[in-house]
């Protein structure tokens, strides 16, 4: 039975969270982006493109080749600016600034065909003016997809920032004098990772809970537990 069929009402995704089950049976969570944050990303990209348009404008003062190059640059900026960045990293500069990315509706990175379709159909989203059709589509669709997204099978989702690696304070490894189950070993390692953010008193209190039966108390308990954590992580 698929994993999604085992969910209880408590596990039901929130309104902006979509669950996609991979062929391996893993639930992939996609947090779709709403129209407000997408509009902010569009505003940033519009300003950047406007600056690039201005940079190309002096070419119009030159006849022949200059005008041709300017018109070519305008065309590429209008239609392929988002395609270039989406295929390169999944996000235009505006989307990256807002923590967004474009993906297929199954969570995989957007491909060339889908990126071209969703961006060439911006002309339909713009109708009758000022992206009125695109906004209406976003508001009516449960995944906030504009017309281009519906045709291309894409989503705009929030990108979760990478977790910062947590390190264990270095101490000489101390072997555990008795066997601990896996859950307790994980608790020892979690204590070591959190210890730099804990007060001295709180460290001692938690350490005594974990290894109090071994006779350690106060600061000595915390130091001993850090030694055990280094043994579990590095010195076994």
Protein backbone atom coordinates (compact mmCIF):
# COMPACT_ATOMS: atom_id res chain seq x y z
CA UNK A 1 0.00 0.00 0.00
CA UNK A 2 1.43 3.45 -0.87
CA UNK A 3 2.83 5.42 2.02
CA UNK A 4 0.36 8.23 1.38
CA UNK A 5 -2.55 5.91 2.24
CA UNK A 6 -1.25 5.47 5.78
CA UNK A 7 -1.62 9.15 6.71
CA UNK A 8 -3.86 10.08 9.57
CA UNK A 9 -5.83 13.37 9.64
CA UNK A 10 -2.99 14.86 11.69
CA UNK A 11 -0.56 14.01 8.86
CA UNK A 12 -2.69 15.75 6.21
CA UNK A 13 -0.51 18.37 4.49
CA UNK A 14 -1.16 22.02 5.18
CA UNK A 15 -2.74 24.10 2.44
CA UNK A 16 0.50 25.10 0.68
CA UNK A 17 2.27 21.76 1.12
CA UNK A 18 2.07 19.13 -1.59
CA UNK A 19 3.17 15.53 -1.06
CA UNK A 20 4.54 13.61 -4.04
CA UNK A 21 5.38 9.95 -3.59
CA UNK A 22 8.46 8.88 -5.56
CA UNK A 23 8.71 5.45 -7.25
CA UNK A 24 10.90 4.40 -4.31
CA UNK A 25 7.99 5.06 -1.91
CA UNK A 26 9.52 8.22 -0.42
CA UNK A 27 7.21 11.17 0.28
CA UNK A 28 8.63 14.36 -1.25
CA UNK A 29 7.27 17.55 0.32
CA UNK A 30 6.84 20.56 -2.00
CA UNK A 31 5.83 23.88 -0.44
CA UNK A 32 4.22 25.79 -3.29
CA UNK A 33 4.67 29.55 -3.57
CA UNK A 34 1.67 31.88 -3.56
CA UNK A 35 1.02 34.89 -5.79
CA UNK A 36 2.39 37.52 -3.38
CA UNK A 37 5.92 36.12 -3.11
CA UNK A 38 5.90 35.30 -6.83
CA UNK A 39 4.92 38.90 -7.62
CA UNK A 40 7.84 40.12 -5.51
CA UNK A 41 10.21 37.86 -7.45
CA UNK A 42 8.75 39.13 -10.73
CA UNK A 43 9.27 42.75 -9.63
CA UNK A 44 12.95 42.06 -8.89
CA UNK A 45 13.46 40.37 -12.26
CA UNK A 46 11.66 43.22 -14.02
CA UNK A 47 14.01 45.77 -12.47
CA UNK A 48 17.06 43.70 -13.44
CA UNK A 49 15.83 43.34 -17.01
CA UNK A 50 15.07 47.05 -17.18
CA UNK A 51 18.69 47.75 -16.22
CA UNK A 52 19.87 45.40 -18.99
CA UNK A 53 17.55 47.09 -21.48
CA UNK A 54 19.07 50.46 -20.56
CA UNK A 55 22.56 49.03 -21.01
CA UNK A 56 21.66 47.98 -24.57
CA UNK A 57 19.93 51.25 -25.47
CA UNK A 58 23.13 53.10 -26.59
CA UNK A 59 23.42 50.58 -29.44
CA UNK A 60 20.32 52.18 -31.01
CA UNK A 61 22.36 55.29 -31.77
CA UNK A 62 24.38 53.26 -34.27
CA UNK A 63 22.70 52.46 -37.57
CA UNK A 64 22.69 49.02 -39.10
CA UNK A 65 24.61 46.55 -36.95
CA UNK A 66 24.09 48.51 -33.73
CA UNK A 67 20.30 48.54 -34.08
CA UNK A 68 20.30 44.87 -35.06
CA UNK A 69 22.33 43.89 -31.98
CA UNK A 70 20.09 45.98 -29.73
CA UNK A 71 16.92 44.38 -31.10
CA UNK A 72 18.44 40.91 -30.75
CA UNK A 73 19.39 41.67 -27.15
CA UNK A 74 15.88 42.94 -26.40
CA UNK A 75 14.37 39.77 -27.87
CA UNK A 76 16.65 37.47 -25.87
CA UNK A 77 16.02 39.39 -22.65
CA UNK A 78 12.26 39.31 -23.09
CA UNK A 79 11.86 35.64 -23.94
CA UNK A 80 14.97 33.76 -22.81
CA UNK A 81 16.11 35.60 -19.67
CA UNK A 82 13.99 33.33 -17.41
CA UNK A 83 14.71 30.20 -19.46
CA UNK A 84 18.48 30.69 -19.14
CA UNK A 85 18.39 31.01 -15.36
CA UNK A 86 15.78 28.29 -14.79
CA UNK A 87 17.82 25.75 -16.74
CA UNK A 88 21.02 26.88 -15.04
CA UNK A 89 19.88 26.78 -11.42
CA UNK A 90 16.10 26.45 -11.32
CA UNK A 91 15.64 30.10 -10.34
CA UNK A 92 15.85 33.52 -11.92
CA UNK A 93 17.70 36.12 -9.79
CA UNK A 94 14.34 37.40 -8.52
CA UNK A 95 13.14 33.93 -7.53
CA UNK A 96 16.48 33.14 -5.90
CA UNK A 97 16.25 36.34 -3.85
CA UNK A 98 12.81 35.25 -2.62
CA UNK A 99 13.88 31.65 -1.97
CA UNK A 100 11.88 30.15 -4.85
CA UNK A 101 12.58 27.64 -7.61
CA UNK A 102 10.77 26.16 -10.62
CA UNK A 103 10.36 22.38 -10.68
CA UNK A 104 8.25 19.81 -12.48
CA UNK A 105 5.08 18.91 -10.61
CA UNK A 106 6.78 15.68 -9.46
CA UNK A 107 9.56 17.68 -7.79
CA UNK A 108 12.28 17.02 -10.39
CA UNK A 109 14.36 19.92 -11.82
CA UNK A 110 12.67 21.79 -14.64
CA UNK A 111 13.73 20.73 -18.15
CA UNK A 112 14.23 22.73 -21.37
CA UNK A 113 10.82 21.95 -22.91
CA UNK A 114 8.87 22.80 -19.75
CA UNK A 115 10.85 26.00 -19.16
CA UNK A 116 10.28 27.15 -22.75
CA UNK A 117 6.54 26.41 -22.60
CA UNK A 118 5.93 28.15 -19.27
CA UNK A 119 7.83 31.26 -20.35
CA UNK A 120 6.54 31.53 -23.92
CA UNK A 121 3.01 31.37 -22.54
CA UNK A 122 3.62 34.48 -20.43
CA UNK A 123 1.91 36.34 -23.26
CA UNK A 124 -1.32 34.47 -22.40
CA UNK A 125 -0.84 35.15 -18.68
CA UNK A 126 -0.48 38.86 -19.44
CA UNK A 127 -3.91 39.12 -21.09
CA UNK A 128 -5.91 41.28 -21.06
CA UNK A 129 -3.31 43.41 -19.23
CA UNK A 130 -0.90 43.40 -16.29
CA UNK A 131 -0.86 39.59 -15.88
CA UNK A 132 -4.59 39.54 -15.11
CA UNK A 133 -5.10 36.04 -16.56
CA UNK A 134 -2.03 34.70 -14.75
CA UNK A 135 -3.17 36.15 -11.43
CA UNK A 136 -6.68 34.74 -11.86
CA UNK A 137 -5.21 31.32 -12.63
CA UNK A 138 -2.96 31.46 -9.54
CA UNK A 139 -5.90 32.36 -7.31
CA UNK A 140 -8.16 29.62 -8.71
CA UNK A 141 -5.60 26.80 -8.80
CA UNK A 142 -4.83 24.95 -5.54
CA UNK A 143 -1.12 24.93 -6.46
CA UNK A 144 -1.02 28.63 -7.44
CA UNK A 145 -0.10 27.79 -11.03
CA UNK A 146 -0.43 30.37 -13.77
CA UNK A 147 -1.47 29.31 -17.29
CA UNK A 148 2.13 28.68 -18.34
CA UNK A 149 2.67 26.37 -15.34
CA UNK A 150 -0.52 24.43 -16.12
CA UNK A 151 0.58 23.88 -19.72
CA UNK A 152 4.18 22.97 -18.80
CA UNK A 153 3.38 20.83 -15.75
CA UNK A 154 5.54 22.95 -13.45
CA UNK A 155 5.33 24.38 -9.94
CA UNK A 156 7.02 27.31 -8.23
CA UNK A 157 8.08 26.15 -4.79
CA UNK A 158 9.90 27.46 -1.75
CA UNK A 159 13.47 26.20 -1.47
CA UNK A 160 14.45 25.15 2.02
CA UNK A 161 17.84 26.63 3.06
CA UNK A 162 20.54 23.99 3.58
CA UNK A 163 21.00 22.91 7.15
CA UNK A 164 24.22 24.06 8.74
CA UNK A 165 26.33 21.09 9.82
CA UNK A 166 26.48 20.73 13.58
CA UNK A 167 29.77 19.74 15.14
CA UNK A 168 30.56 18.09 18.44
CA UNK A 169 32.96 19.95 20.75
CA UNK A 170 36.30 18.15 20.67
CA UNK A 171 37.15 16.17 23.77
CA UNK A 172 39.38 13.11 24.33
CA UNK A 173 37.19 10.09 23.50
CA UNK A 174 35.95 8.17 26.55
CA UNK A 175 34.56 4.68 25.99
CA UNK A 176 31.14 4.01 27.43
CA UNK A 177 31.45 1.63 30.39
CA UNK A 178 28.13 -0.05 29.62
CA UNK A 179 26.03 -0.89 26.59
CA UNK A 180 23.51 1.78 25.57
CA UNK A 181 20.64 1.26 23.18
CA UNK A 182 20.53 3.21 19.92
CA UNK A 183 18.05 5.81 21.23
CA UNK A 184 20.31 6.66 24.19
CA UNK A 185 23.38 6.89 21.95
CA UNK A 186 21.50 9.33 19.72
CA UNK A 187 20.54 11.34 22.81
CA UNK A 188 24.22 11.54 23.82
CA UNK A 189 25.20 12.82 20.35
CA UNK A 190 22.30 15.30 20.32
CA UNK A 191 23.38 16.63 23.71
CA UNK A 192 26.94 17.16 22.41
CA UNK A 193 25.69 19.04 19.33
CA UNK A 194 23.46 21.30 21.45
CA UNK A 195 25.90 21.83 24.30
CA UNK A 196 27.57 25.00 22.92
CA UNK A 197 24.14 26.70 22.97
CA UNK A 198 23.29 25.61 26.53
CA UNK A 199 24.15 27.34 29.77
CA UNK A 200 26.63 25.65 32.11
CA UNK A 201 23.87 24.77 34.55
CA UNK A 202 21.59 23.34 31.87
CA UNK A 203 24.44 21.25 30.43
CA UNK A 204 25.17 19.78 33.84
CA UNK A 205 21.48 19.07 34.48
CA UNK A 206 20.97 17.23 31.20
CA UNK A 207 24.25 15.35 31.52
CA UNK A 208 23.31 14.07 34.97
CA UNK A 209 20.02 12.76 33.56
CA UNK A 210 21.88 10.80 30.87
CA UNK A 211 24.87 9.47 32.80
CA UNK A 212 23.95 10.14 36.41
CA UNK A 213 23.93 6.40 37.17
CA UNK A 214 27.66 6.34 36.36
CA UNK A 215 28.38 8.61 39.32
CA UNK A 216 29.20 11.84 37.49
CA UNK A 217 27.79 15.10 38.78
CA UNK A 218 27.75 18.75 37.68
CA UNK A 219 30.36 19.97 35.24
CA UNK A 220 32.18 16.65 35.41
CA UNK A 221 29.07 14.91 34.07
CA UNK A 222 28.89 17.28 31.10
CA UNK A 223 32.59 16.82 30.29
CA UNK A 224 32.31 13.05 30.59
CA UNK A 225 29.30 13.02 28.30
CA UNK A 226 31.19 15.06 25.68
CA UNK A 227 33.97 12.50 25.87
CA UNK A 228 31.48 9.68 25.35
CA UNK A 229 29.97 11.56 22.41
CA UNK A 230 33.40 11.89 20.76
CA UNK A 231 33.93 8.18 21.31
CA UNK A 232 30.62 7.39 19.62
CA UNK A 233 31.28 9.78 16.75
CA UNK A 234 34.99 9.28 16.12
CA UNK A 235 36.78 7.03 18.55
CA UNK A 236 34.91 3.72 18.54
